[in-house]
Amino acid sequence: MGTFNQEIAIRHVASKGHVAALSMGTITYTCRIGPAGITYSKSEGDGATPAGRWPMRYVMYRADRVVRPVTGLPVERIHPGSGWCDDPASRDYNKPVQLPYAHSHEQLWRNDHVYDMIVVLGHNDNPAVPGKGSAVFMHLSQPDGSPTRGCIALRLNHLRQVLLRSAIGTIVRIG
């Protein structure tokens, strides 16, 4: 495994809309954020990426599409029944859920490749406050470079490099 980075910084590149820069030591990668940029006042569905310092909790990946990432973080497989609750009225708000699920949720097993590898960030999870944002992940970018819905998106090879240098205790600083 590579050198452990305690903090990863993400800053908005103002002139480029939803384009940001992710820095780990001397390495910098272009990444995508939400179309509303970075906010210090995150709310569910606002299209903004939340500013703050968020711990990397664990990684999820699709074993049928990508090789298990090498990282110091816990790793889990995504399966067809994997979901994430985004319903502020649910007791499971901002938590993984098993599908089918009665409340509003995201399906993690997707037809596109965006969620083939996901890093769960510790945003609004200890405890989750209803309406303050859910499912804030670091995941794969769309081929066309489009914005996320409030997450951070990277190319697969860049996300693999980030994970190689990450472990329990690594913080993602946004803003």
Protein backbone atom coordinates (compact mmCIF):
# COMPACT_ATOMS: atom_id res chain seq x y z
CA MET A 1 0.00 0.00 0.00
CA GLY A 2 1.15 3.57 -0.64
CA THR A 3 1.87 6.34 1.82
CA PHE A 4 -1.08 7.13 4.10
CA ASN A 5 -2.52 10.64 3.70
CA GLN A 6 -4.29 12.00 6.75
CA GLU A 7 -6.10 14.73 4.81
CA ILE A 8 -7.29 15.10 1.23
CA ALA A 9 -8.26 18.62 0.12
CA ILE A 10 -10.95 19.51 -2.41
CA ARG A 11 -11.33 23.06 -3.61
CA HIS A 12 -13.71 24.57 -6.12
CA VAL A 13 -12.22 25.90 -9.33
CA ALA A 14 -14.56 28.91 -9.51
CA SER A 15 -14.20 29.68 -13.19
CA LYS A 16 -15.17 26.13 -14.20
CA GLY A 17 -18.62 25.63 -12.57
CA HIS A 18 -18.77 22.07 -11.20
CA VAL A 19 -15.05 21.38 -11.65
CA ALA A 20 -12.87 21.08 -8.57
CA ALA A 21 -9.34 20.01 -7.66
CA LEU A 22 -8.56 17.15 -5.29
CA SER A 23 -5.10 17.33 -3.69
CA MET A 24 -3.20 14.68 -1.73
CA GLY A 25 0.24 15.95 -0.85
CA THR A 26 1.90 16.84 -4.16
CA ILE A 27 -0.68 15.00 -6.31
CA THR A 28 -3.67 16.88 -7.75
CA TYR A 29 -6.56 15.43 -9.75
CA THR A 30 -9.47 17.17 -11.43
CA CYS A 31 -12.78 16.06 -9.97
CA ARG A 32 -16.46 16.92 -10.34
CA ILE A 33 -18.77 18.29 -7.66
CA GLY A 34 -22.42 19.33 -7.57
CA PRO A 35 -23.77 21.93 -10.05
CA ALA A 36 -24.42 24.34 -7.15
CA GLY A 37 -20.74 24.23 -6.15
CA ILE A 38 -19.66 23.94 -2.52
CA THR A 39 -21.93 25.05 0.32
CA TYR A 40 -21.56 25.59 4.06
CA SER A 41 -25.32 25.06 4.47
CA LYS A 42 -26.14 21.69 2.87
CA SER A 43 -29.75 20.60 2.47
CA GLU A 44 -31.26 17.52 0.82
CA GLY A 45 -31.53 17.87 -2.96
CA ASP A 46 -29.76 21.26 -3.27
CA GLY A 47 -27.19 19.99 -5.80
CA ALA A 48 -24.31 21.32 -3.69
CA THR A 49 -21.29 19.53 -2.29
CA PRO A 50 -21.01 20.09 1.47
CA ALA A 51 -18.05 22.08 2.80
CA GLY A 52 -16.33 20.70 5.87
CA ARG A 53 -14.04 17.94 7.06
CA TRP A 54 -15.52 14.49 6.44
CA PRO A 55 -13.89 11.18 7.42
CA MET A 56 -13.69 8.42 4.85
CA ARG A 57 -15.84 5.66 6.42
CA TYR A 58 -15.55 2.70 4.02
CA VAL A 59 -15.51 1.67 0.35
CA MET A 60 -18.18 -0.21 -1.61
CA TYR A 61 -17.54 -1.72 -5.03
CA ARG A 62 -19.14 -3.84 -7.77
CA ALA A 63 -17.10 -7.03 -7.93
CA ASP A 64 -18.70 -7.93 -11.28
CA ARG A 65 -17.21 -4.77 -12.85
CA VAL A 66 -14.08 -3.67 -10.98
CA VAL A 67 -11.31 -5.27 -9.01
CA ARG A 68 -11.41 -4.86 -5.24
CA PRO A 69 -9.59 -1.63 -4.39
CA VAL A 70 -6.34 -1.68 -2.45
CA THR A 71 -6.85 0.57 0.56
CA GLY A 72 -6.49 0.86 4.31
CA LEU A 73 -10.25 1.44 4.57
CA PRO A 74 -12.88 -1.25 5.17
CA VAL A 75 -14.26 -2.61 1.87
CA GLU A 76 -17.70 -4.09 1.10
CA ARG A 77 -19.29 -5.44 -2.07
CA ILE A 78 -22.31 -3.78 -3.65
CA HIS A 79 -25.04 -6.24 -4.59
CA PRO A 80 -28.33 -5.88 -6.51
CA GLY A 81 -30.22 -5.18 -3.27
CA SER A 82 -27.91 -2.39 -2.10
CA GLY A 83 -29.57 0.96 -1.52
CA TRP A 84 -29.12 4.21 0.43
CA CYS A 85 -32.01 6.00 2.15
CA ASP A 86 -32.42 9.67 1.17
CA ASP A 87 -35.84 10.19 2.76
CA PRO A 88 -35.63 12.68 5.67
CA ALA A 89 -38.88 11.21 7.09
CA SER A 90 -37.34 7.73 7.44
CA ARG A 91 -35.57 6.44 10.56
CA ASP A 92 -32.96 5.09 8.11
CA TYR A 93 -32.16 8.53 6.64
CA ASN A 94 -28.60 8.68 5.30
CA LYS A 95 -27.92 5.00 5.92
CA PRO A 96 -27.48 1.95 3.71
CA VAL A 97 -30.68 -0.05 3.21
CA GLN A 98 -31.69 -3.34 1.66
CA LEU A 99 -33.94 -3.15 -1.43
CA PRO A 100 -36.82 -3.26 -1.98
CA TYR A 101 -37.29 -0.38 0.45
CA ALA A 102 -40.51 1.55 1.09
CA HIS A 103 -39.01 5.04 1.52
CA SER A 104 -37.15 7.20 -1.01
CA HIS A 105 -33.70 5.81 -1.71
CA GLU A 106 -30.86 5.54 -4.19
CA GLN A 107 -30.15 2.22 -5.83
CA LEU A 108 -26.42 1.54 -5.61
CA TRP A 109 -26.43 -1.28 -8.21
CA ARG A 110 -26.77 0.93 -11.29
CA ASN A 111 -26.72 0.42 -15.05
CA ASP A 112 -24.13 3.17 -15.52
CA HIS A 113 -20.69 2.90 -13.92
CA VAL A 114 -20.84 5.84 -11.50
CA TYR A 115 -21.33 3.64 -8.43
CA ASP A 116 -18.98 0.83 -9.46
CA MET A 117 -16.77 2.17 -6.66
CA ILE A 118 -18.01 4.39 -3.82
CA VAL A 119 -16.29 5.91 -0.80
CA VAL A 120 -18.82 6.66 1.93
CA LEU A 121 -17.98 10.00 3.56
CA GLY A 122 -18.94 10.81 7.14
CA HIS A 123 -21.19 13.72 6.22
CA ASN A 124 -24.35 14.09 8.36
CA ASP A 125 -24.06 10.64 9.86
CA ASN A 126 -23.26 11.03 13.55
CA PRO A 127 -26.16 11.50 14.04
CA ALA A 128 -27.98 12.07 10.75
CA VAL A 129 -30.07 15.26 10.87
CA PRO A 130 -33.14 14.96 8.63
CA GLY A 131 -32.89 17.22 5.57
CA LYS A 132 -29.19 18.12 5.98
CA GLY A 133 -28.05 15.92 3.08
CA SER A 134 -27.57 12.23 2.45
CA ALA A 135 -25.54 9.89 0.26
CA VAL A 136 -22.52 12.19 0.02
CA PHE A 137 -20.01 9.89 -1.62
CA MET A 138 -16.77 9.97 -3.53
CA HIS A 139 -17.54 7.94 -6.67
CA LEU A 140 -16.70 7.57 -10.36
CA SER A 141 -17.29 10.42 -12.78
CA GLN A 142 -19.61 10.30 -15.77
CA PRO A 143 -17.77 9.88 -19.10
CA ASP A 144 -19.02 13.32 -20.22
CA GLY A 145 -17.68 15.05 -17.09
CA SER A 146 -21.11 16.17 -15.93
CA PRO A 147 -21.67 17.37 -12.34
CA THR A 148 -22.66 15.13 -9.46
CA ARG A 149 -25.77 15.69 -7.34
CA GLY A 150 -23.58 16.85 -4.44
CA CYS A 151 -20.86 14.20 -4.31
CA ILE A 152 -17.24 14.18 -5.49
CA ALA A 153 -16.52 12.25 -8.70
CA LEU A 154 -13.18 11.05 -10.05
CA ARG A 155 -11.88 8.87 -12.85
CA LEU A 156 -11.44 5.23 -11.81
CA ASN A 157 -7.63 5.31 -11.95
CA HIS A 158 -7.57 8.52 -9.85
CA LEU A 159 -9.98 7.12 -7.26
CA ARG A 160 -7.82 3.99 -7.02
CA GLN A 161 -4.77 6.18 -6.31
CA VAL A 162 -6.69 8.11 -3.63
CA LEU A 163 -7.77 4.85 -1.99
CA LEU A 164 -4.26 3.42 -2.14
CA ARG A 165 -3.15 6.34 0.04
CA SER A 166 -6.16 6.29 2.39
CA ALA A 167 -6.90 4.50 5.64
CA ILE A 168 -9.14 4.77 8.67
CA GLY A 169 -8.60 8.34 9.88
CA THR A 170 -8.22 9.91 6.43
CA ILE A 171 -10.23 13.14 6.23
CA VAL A 172 -11.66 14.76 3.08
CA ARG A 173 -11.60 18.54 3.52
CA ILE A 174 -14.01 20.30 1.15
CA GLY A 175 -13.94 24.07 0.76
